N, C-alpha and C. Protein backbone atom coordinates (compact mmCIF):
# COMPACT_ATOMS: atom_id res chain seq x y z
N MET A 1 -3.88 77.61 83.07
CA MET A 1 -3.28 77.62 81.72
C MET A 1 -3.57 76.19 81.07
N ASP A 2 -4.17 76.24 79.98
CA ASP A 2 -4.43 75.01 79.21
C ASP A 2 -3.31 74.67 78.29
N PHE A 3 -3.39 73.54 77.69
CA PHE A 3 -2.50 73.07 76.72
C PHE A 3 -3.26 72.47 75.59
N ASN A 4 -2.58 72.38 74.42
CA ASN A 4 -3.16 71.63 73.24
C ASN A 4 -2.08 70.63 72.84
N VAL A 5 -2.56 69.56 72.13
CA VAL A 5 -1.65 68.55 71.63
C VAL A 5 -1.36 68.75 70.19
N VAL A 6 -0.08 68.71 69.88
CA VAL A 6 0.42 68.93 68.49
C VAL A 6 1.39 67.89 68.06
N ASP A 7 1.52 67.70 66.82
CA ASP A 7 2.61 66.85 66.27
C ASP A 7 3.73 67.72 65.86
N ARG A 8 4.90 67.28 66.14
CA ARG A 8 6.15 68.10 65.85
C ARG A 8 7.15 67.27 65.13
N PRO A 9 7.81 67.85 64.22
CA PRO A 9 9.00 67.09 63.57
C PRO A 9 10.16 67.04 64.53
N GLU A 10 11.14 66.31 64.16
CA GLU A 10 12.44 66.31 64.90
C GLU A 10 12.97 67.71 65.00
N THR A 11 13.53 68.06 66.17
CA THR A 11 14.05 69.33 66.46
C THR A 11 15.50 69.08 66.81
N LEU A 12 16.39 70.01 66.26
CA LEU A 12 17.82 69.95 66.58
C LEU A 12 18.08 71.19 67.37
N VAL A 13 18.72 71.12 68.50
CA VAL A 13 19.02 72.30 69.27
C VAL A 13 20.50 72.21 69.68
N ALA A 14 21.18 73.30 69.49
CA ALA A 14 22.64 73.35 69.83
C ALA A 14 22.88 74.46 70.82
N GLY A 15 23.94 74.37 71.56
CA GLY A 15 24.28 75.48 72.49
C GLY A 15 25.09 74.99 73.65
N THR A 16 24.93 75.64 74.81
CA THR A 16 25.64 75.33 76.01
C THR A 16 24.92 74.31 76.83
N VAL A 17 25.62 73.32 77.40
CA VAL A 17 25.09 72.24 78.16
C VAL A 17 25.17 72.69 79.63
N LEU A 18 23.94 72.56 80.30
CA LEU A 18 23.90 72.71 81.75
C LEU A 18 23.50 71.42 82.36
N ARG A 19 24.15 71.00 83.36
CA ARG A 19 23.84 69.77 84.06
C ARG A 19 23.12 70.12 85.33
N SER A 20 22.06 69.37 85.65
CA SER A 20 21.32 69.71 86.86
C SER A 20 20.49 68.48 87.27
N PRO A 21 20.34 68.27 88.56
CA PRO A 21 19.55 67.17 89.03
C PRO A 21 18.03 67.54 88.88
N ALA A 22 17.66 68.67 88.43
CA ALA A 22 16.27 69.06 88.27
C ALA A 22 16.23 70.13 87.14
N LEU A 23 15.10 70.37 86.58
CA LEU A 23 14.94 71.51 85.65
C LEU A 23 15.31 72.71 86.38
N ALA A 24 16.31 73.47 85.77
CA ALA A 24 16.91 74.61 86.54
C ALA A 24 16.12 75.84 86.19
N VAL A 25 14.81 75.85 86.46
CA VAL A 25 13.97 77.00 86.12
C VAL A 25 13.73 77.90 87.35
N GLU A 26 14.08 77.44 88.52
CA GLU A 26 13.88 78.23 89.69
C GLU A 26 14.93 77.83 90.72
N GLY A 27 15.02 78.69 91.79
CA GLY A 27 16.00 78.43 92.81
C GLY A 27 17.37 78.85 92.40
N PRO A 28 18.45 78.45 93.13
CA PRO A 28 19.77 78.86 92.83
C PRO A 28 20.26 78.53 91.49
N ARG A 29 19.80 77.52 90.84
CA ARG A 29 20.24 77.09 89.47
C ARG A 29 19.78 78.11 88.45
N ARG A 30 18.76 78.80 88.74
CA ARG A 30 18.21 79.75 87.67
C ARG A 30 19.28 80.81 87.32
N ALA A 31 20.13 81.18 88.23
CA ALA A 31 21.15 82.18 87.93
C ALA A 31 22.10 81.60 86.84
N LYS A 32 22.44 80.34 86.85
CA LYS A 32 23.29 79.72 85.90
C LYS A 32 22.68 79.63 84.54
N VAL A 33 21.34 79.40 84.52
CA VAL A 33 20.57 79.42 83.28
C VAL A 33 20.61 80.80 82.68
N GLU A 34 20.37 81.86 83.52
CA GLU A 34 20.35 83.22 83.05
C GLU A 34 21.73 83.65 82.52
N GLU A 35 22.82 83.18 83.19
CA GLU A 35 24.18 83.53 82.68
C GLU A 35 24.47 82.84 81.35
N ALA A 36 24.04 81.57 81.22
CA ALA A 36 24.23 80.92 79.94
C ALA A 36 23.50 81.64 78.84
N TRP A 37 22.23 82.14 79.10
CA TRP A 37 21.44 82.83 78.10
C TRP A 37 22.15 84.10 77.75
N LYS A 38 22.70 84.83 78.71
CA LYS A 38 23.39 86.08 78.36
C LYS A 38 24.58 85.89 77.44
N ARG A 39 25.37 84.74 77.71
CA ARG A 39 26.51 84.48 76.86
C ARG A 39 26.03 84.09 75.41
N ASN A 40 25.00 83.28 75.40
CA ASN A 40 24.48 82.85 74.08
C ASN A 40 23.97 84.02 73.26
N LEU A 41 23.14 84.86 73.90
CA LEU A 41 22.52 85.96 73.11
C LEU A 41 23.56 87.05 72.75
N ALA A 42 24.69 87.07 73.39
CA ALA A 42 25.78 88.05 73.07
C ALA A 42 26.48 87.71 71.75
N ARG A 43 26.19 86.54 71.19
CA ARG A 43 26.81 86.17 69.94
C ARG A 43 25.73 86.02 68.85
N ARG A 44 26.19 85.96 67.73
CA ARG A 44 25.29 85.78 66.47
C ARG A 44 24.90 84.34 66.38
N LEU A 45 23.59 84.01 66.69
CA LEU A 45 23.10 82.68 66.62
C LEU A 45 22.67 82.41 65.20
N PRO A 46 22.88 81.18 64.68
CA PRO A 46 22.41 80.76 63.42
C PRO A 46 20.99 80.38 63.33
N GLY A 47 20.29 80.30 64.49
CA GLY A 47 18.89 79.94 64.44
C GLY A 47 18.17 80.62 65.61
N PRO A 48 16.90 80.53 65.70
CA PRO A 48 16.16 81.20 66.79
C PRO A 48 16.56 80.63 68.18
N PRO A 49 16.55 81.46 69.25
CA PRO A 49 16.86 80.94 70.56
C PRO A 49 15.95 79.82 70.95
N THR A 50 16.44 78.77 71.46
CA THR A 50 15.69 77.57 71.78
C THR A 50 16.38 76.85 72.97
N THR A 51 15.55 76.16 73.73
CA THR A 51 16.09 75.32 74.87
C THR A 51 15.56 73.91 74.57
N ALA A 52 16.43 72.89 74.88
CA ALA A 52 16.12 71.44 74.79
C ALA A 52 16.41 70.92 76.17
N TYR A 53 15.55 69.93 76.54
CA TYR A 53 15.78 69.12 77.78
C TYR A 53 15.79 67.75 77.31
N VAL A 54 16.96 67.02 77.42
CA VAL A 54 17.15 65.62 76.82
C VAL A 54 17.84 64.77 77.90
N ASP A 55 17.98 63.50 77.54
CA ASP A 55 18.69 62.50 78.36
C ASP A 55 18.12 62.46 79.76
N HIS A 56 16.85 62.29 79.85
CA HIS A 56 16.19 62.12 81.14
C HIS A 56 16.77 61.07 81.98
N ALA A 57 17.02 61.37 83.23
CA ALA A 57 17.53 60.35 84.17
C ALA A 57 16.47 59.88 85.07
N PRO A 58 15.72 58.76 84.71
CA PRO A 58 14.53 58.33 85.50
C PRO A 58 14.90 57.93 86.94
N GLU A 59 16.13 57.48 87.21
CA GLU A 59 16.49 57.12 88.56
C GLU A 59 16.41 58.24 89.55
N ILE A 60 16.51 59.51 89.11
CA ILE A 60 16.33 60.68 89.97
C ILE A 60 15.17 61.53 89.60
N ASN A 61 14.39 60.95 88.61
CA ASN A 61 13.12 61.64 88.15
C ASN A 61 13.46 63.07 87.74
N SER A 62 14.48 63.17 86.91
CA SER A 62 14.96 64.50 86.48
C SER A 62 15.54 64.49 85.14
N TYR A 63 15.89 65.61 84.56
CA TYR A 63 16.59 65.77 83.34
C TYR A 63 18.03 65.71 83.66
N LEU A 64 18.85 65.16 82.80
CA LEU A 64 20.20 65.10 82.91
C LEU A 64 20.94 66.20 82.20
N THR A 65 20.39 66.59 80.99
CA THR A 65 21.02 67.50 80.02
C THR A 65 19.97 68.62 79.65
N HIS A 66 20.51 69.85 79.87
CA HIS A 66 19.64 71.07 79.57
C HIS A 66 20.52 71.84 78.55
N ILE A 67 20.06 72.03 77.36
CA ILE A 67 20.84 72.76 76.29
C ILE A 67 20.14 74.20 76.23
N VAL A 68 20.93 75.20 76.35
CA VAL A 68 20.52 76.56 76.25
C VAL A 68 21.17 77.07 74.94
N GLY A 69 20.40 77.39 73.89
CA GLY A 69 21.01 77.75 72.67
C GLY A 69 20.05 78.15 71.53
N TYR A 70 20.07 77.46 70.44
CA TYR A 70 19.37 77.78 69.20
C TYR A 70 18.96 76.60 68.47
N ARG A 71 17.89 76.80 67.66
CA ARG A 71 17.45 75.67 66.79
C ARG A 71 18.28 75.60 65.57
N CYS A 72 18.68 74.43 65.18
CA CYS A 72 19.55 74.13 63.98
C CYS A 72 18.73 73.41 62.89
N ARG A 73 19.17 73.70 61.65
CA ARG A 73 18.56 72.94 60.54
C ARG A 73 19.48 71.73 60.30
N GLY A 74 20.78 71.77 60.65
CA GLY A 74 21.65 70.63 60.49
C GLY A 74 22.97 70.93 61.02
N LEU A 75 23.95 70.09 60.82
CA LEU A 75 25.34 70.22 61.34
C LEU A 75 25.99 71.48 60.86
N ALA A 76 25.67 71.99 59.68
CA ALA A 76 26.32 73.24 59.21
C ALA A 76 25.94 74.42 60.07
N ASP A 77 24.85 74.35 60.84
CA ASP A 77 24.54 75.53 61.68
C ASP A 77 25.30 75.48 63.05
N LEU A 78 25.85 74.34 63.29
CA LEU A 78 26.49 74.20 64.70
C LEU A 78 27.72 75.10 64.79
N LEU A 79 27.68 75.96 65.87
CA LEU A 79 28.88 76.87 66.12
C LEU A 79 29.93 76.08 66.89
N PRO A 80 31.27 76.49 66.65
CA PRO A 80 32.32 75.78 67.30
C PRO A 80 32.12 75.82 68.88
N GLY A 81 32.39 74.64 69.46
CA GLY A 81 32.30 74.53 70.91
C GLY A 81 30.89 74.18 71.44
N ASP A 82 29.85 74.21 70.59
CA ASP A 82 28.53 73.93 71.02
C ASP A 82 28.22 72.49 70.97
N VAL A 83 27.24 72.08 71.72
CA VAL A 83 26.79 70.68 71.71
C VAL A 83 25.44 70.54 71.01
N LEU A 84 25.21 69.50 70.25
CA LEU A 84 23.97 69.38 69.51
C LEU A 84 23.10 68.30 70.16
N ALA A 85 21.80 68.61 70.35
CA ALA A 85 20.88 67.62 70.93
C ALA A 85 19.73 67.40 69.89
N ARG A 86 19.21 66.21 69.85
CA ARG A 86 18.12 65.84 68.93
C ARG A 86 16.89 65.48 69.78
N VAL A 87 15.81 66.22 69.50
CA VAL A 87 14.55 65.93 70.13
C VAL A 87 13.74 65.21 69.09
N PRO A 88 13.38 63.91 69.34
CA PRO A 88 12.73 63.23 68.25
C PRO A 88 11.32 63.77 67.92
N ALA A 89 10.83 63.49 66.71
CA ALA A 89 9.55 63.87 66.27
C ALA A 89 8.50 63.14 67.17
N GLY A 90 7.31 63.65 67.34
CA GLY A 90 6.25 63.00 68.05
C GLY A 90 5.12 63.90 68.41
N ARG A 91 4.27 63.45 69.39
CA ARG A 91 3.18 64.25 69.95
C ARG A 91 3.66 64.98 71.14
N PHE A 92 3.24 66.24 71.18
CA PHE A 92 3.67 67.14 72.27
C PHE A 92 2.51 67.90 72.85
N ALA A 93 2.59 68.13 74.21
CA ALA A 93 1.60 69.01 74.82
C ALA A 93 2.29 70.40 74.69
N ARG A 94 1.52 71.37 74.11
CA ARG A 94 2.00 72.74 73.86
C ARG A 94 1.47 73.69 74.89
N PHE A 95 2.25 74.30 75.69
CA PHE A 95 1.93 75.28 76.68
C PHE A 95 2.51 76.68 76.22
N THR A 96 1.67 77.67 76.34
CA THR A 96 2.09 79.03 75.93
C THR A 96 1.76 80.05 76.96
N ALA A 97 2.62 80.93 77.30
CA ALA A 97 2.35 82.06 78.24
C ALA A 97 3.24 83.22 77.92
N SER A 98 2.76 84.46 78.31
CA SER A 98 3.41 85.65 78.08
C SER A 98 3.51 86.38 79.50
N GLY A 99 4.46 87.19 79.65
CA GLY A 99 4.63 88.00 80.87
C GLY A 99 5.76 88.95 80.73
N ASP A 100 5.80 89.89 81.67
CA ASP A 100 6.82 90.92 81.65
C ASP A 100 8.24 90.36 81.93
N ASN A 101 8.28 89.34 82.71
CA ASN A 101 9.59 88.68 83.11
C ASN A 101 9.62 87.29 82.57
N LEU A 102 10.37 87.07 81.53
CA LEU A 102 10.40 85.77 80.77
C LEU A 102 10.75 84.69 81.70
N GLY A 103 11.78 84.94 82.58
CA GLY A 103 12.16 83.83 83.51
C GLY A 103 11.00 83.39 84.46
N ASP A 104 10.27 84.31 84.97
CA ASP A 104 9.08 83.96 85.78
C ASP A 104 8.00 83.28 84.96
N THR A 105 7.88 83.68 83.73
CA THR A 105 6.93 83.05 82.86
C THR A 105 7.26 81.57 82.58
N ILE A 106 8.59 81.34 82.44
CA ILE A 106 9.05 79.98 82.22
C ILE A 106 8.73 79.12 83.48
N VAL A 107 9.01 79.64 84.62
CA VAL A 107 8.74 78.98 85.92
C VAL A 107 7.24 78.59 85.99
N SER A 108 6.41 79.55 85.67
CA SER A 108 5.00 79.40 85.69
C SER A 108 4.48 78.27 84.83
N ILE A 109 5.02 78.29 83.59
CA ILE A 109 4.67 77.18 82.62
C ILE A 109 5.08 75.85 83.15
N TRP A 110 6.38 75.66 83.67
CA TRP A 110 6.85 74.41 84.13
C TRP A 110 6.01 73.97 85.37
N ARG A 111 5.66 74.82 86.17
CA ARG A 111 4.79 74.44 87.31
C ARG A 111 3.52 73.84 86.81
N THR A 112 2.87 74.50 85.75
CA THR A 112 1.69 74.01 85.14
C THR A 112 1.85 72.64 84.58
N VAL A 113 3.00 72.42 83.87
CA VAL A 113 3.32 71.06 83.30
C VAL A 113 3.38 70.04 84.42
N TRP A 114 4.15 70.32 85.47
CA TRP A 114 4.24 69.45 86.59
C TRP A 114 2.90 69.05 87.29
N ASP A 115 2.05 70.07 87.41
CA ASP A 115 0.70 69.91 87.99
C ASP A 115 -0.14 69.07 87.05
N ALA A 116 -0.12 69.33 85.73
CA ALA A 116 -0.91 68.56 84.80
C ALA A 116 -0.52 67.09 84.78
N GLU A 117 0.83 66.83 84.92
CA GLU A 117 1.25 65.51 84.94
C GLU A 117 0.89 64.81 86.23
N ALA A 118 1.02 65.53 87.34
CA ALA A 118 0.56 64.92 88.66
C ALA A 118 -0.88 64.65 88.66
N ALA A 119 -1.71 65.44 87.99
CA ALA A 119 -3.13 65.23 88.01
C ALA A 119 -3.60 64.17 86.94
N GLY A 120 -2.64 63.70 86.23
CA GLY A 120 -2.98 62.68 85.19
C GLY A 120 -3.60 63.21 83.85
N LYS A 121 -3.39 64.54 83.68
CA LYS A 121 -3.92 65.18 82.48
C LYS A 121 -3.02 64.88 81.23
N LEU A 122 -1.82 64.51 81.46
CA LEU A 122 -0.87 64.09 80.43
C LEU A 122 0.07 63.08 80.99
N VAL A 123 0.57 62.23 80.01
CA VAL A 123 1.63 61.23 80.38
C VAL A 123 2.88 61.59 79.48
N ARG A 124 3.90 61.94 80.12
CA ARG A 124 5.07 62.40 79.36
C ARG A 124 5.96 61.19 78.99
N SER A 125 6.58 61.31 77.85
CA SER A 125 7.54 60.28 77.38
C SER A 125 8.95 60.50 77.81
N TYR A 126 9.26 61.75 78.10
CA TYR A 126 10.64 62.13 78.55
C TYR A 126 11.72 61.76 77.50
N THR A 127 11.27 61.86 76.17
CA THR A 127 12.16 61.67 75.10
C THR A 127 12.83 62.99 74.69
N GLY A 128 12.43 64.05 75.18
CA GLY A 128 12.93 65.39 74.87
C GLY A 128 11.92 66.45 74.85
N ASP A 129 12.09 67.61 75.49
CA ASP A 129 11.11 68.69 75.57
C ASP A 129 11.84 69.90 74.94
N VAL A 130 11.06 70.84 74.49
CA VAL A 130 11.67 72.10 73.76
C VAL A 130 10.94 73.32 74.34
N GLU A 131 11.71 74.41 74.50
CA GLU A 131 11.16 75.70 74.79
C GLU A 131 11.53 76.61 73.62
N GLN A 132 10.62 77.35 73.10
CA GLN A 132 10.74 78.38 72.08
C GLN A 132 10.32 79.72 72.62
N TYR A 133 10.80 80.77 72.03
CA TYR A 133 10.50 82.15 72.52
C TYR A 133 10.04 82.99 71.33
N PRO A 134 8.74 82.94 70.99
CA PRO A 134 8.29 83.68 69.80
C PRO A 134 8.62 85.27 69.81
N ASP A 135 8.63 85.77 71.01
CA ASP A 135 9.04 87.12 71.22
C ASP A 135 9.66 87.33 72.63
N ALA A 136 10.02 88.57 72.98
CA ALA A 136 10.75 88.74 74.23
C ALA A 136 9.93 88.52 75.46
N ARG A 137 8.56 88.33 75.29
CA ARG A 137 7.73 88.19 76.52
C ARG A 137 6.97 86.84 76.48
N THR A 138 7.23 85.98 75.48
CA THR A 138 6.42 84.77 75.26
C THR A 138 7.24 83.61 75.27
N VAL A 139 6.71 82.54 75.87
CA VAL A 139 7.47 81.21 75.83
C VAL A 139 6.48 80.15 75.42
N GLU A 140 6.88 79.19 74.53
CA GLU A 140 6.09 78.05 74.20
C GLU A 140 6.92 76.82 74.73
N VAL A 141 6.30 76.01 75.45
CA VAL A 141 6.97 74.73 75.93
C VAL A 141 6.27 73.52 75.30
N PHE A 142 7.02 72.72 74.66
CA PHE A 142 6.57 71.49 74.04
C PHE A 142 7.07 70.35 74.81
N VAL A 143 6.16 69.63 75.46
CA VAL A 143 6.39 68.49 76.33
C VAL A 143 6.04 67.20 75.56
N ALA A 144 7.11 66.33 75.38
CA ALA A 144 6.89 65.07 74.64
C ALA A 144 5.94 64.12 75.42
N LEU A 145 4.93 63.60 74.69
CA LEU A 145 3.90 62.76 75.32
C LEU A 145 4.17 61.33 74.94
N ALA A 146 3.77 60.45 75.88
CA ALA A 146 3.76 59.05 75.65
C ALA A 146 2.67 58.64 74.71
N ASP A 147 2.74 57.55 73.99
CA ASP A 147 1.69 57.19 73.04
C ASP A 147 0.48 56.74 73.87
N GLU A 148 -0.66 56.40 73.19
CA GLU A 148 -1.91 56.13 73.93
C GLU A 148 -1.83 54.85 74.75
N HIS A 149 -0.77 54.09 74.61
CA HIS A 149 -0.51 52.86 75.45
C HIS A 149 0.36 53.15 76.54
N GLY A 150 0.89 54.37 76.69
CA GLY A 150 1.76 54.77 77.78
C GLY A 150 3.24 54.47 77.41
N ASN A 151 3.52 54.01 76.19
CA ASN A 151 4.87 53.75 75.79
C ASN A 151 5.66 55.02 75.60
N ARG A 152 6.95 55.02 75.99
CA ARG A 152 7.76 56.20 75.96
C ARG A 152 8.66 56.18 74.81
């Protein structure tokens, strides 16, 4: 799976906060993510379903905050009880995949991201990453990239 580099504007994502010492896309934490999505999708969302990964914790090489929810245009879109995260504008590696099981497709994309990072094909900034779901079978992952000097 290849990726392309794109510029993205600031993205606001609101929803349910999940805390995890690692991206909760596989293993026992996956069930908690699936539960959060079921709760979110059972209500009327003011924007398209979206996930944000913010507040990276470099001391454990992991994300601290995982927001399962929806994209917002501003504070007026925020539903009561939800948390709002801001992913700054910047350059992103865009990965896209489709499959019959969206959860498995997400796991596949993140494994590809981790492999590309380990192989030196990209340098992440960890300023915030975004998942979007153009349809019921497709996921787009936007991974924030460090600038050409490696600054985050």
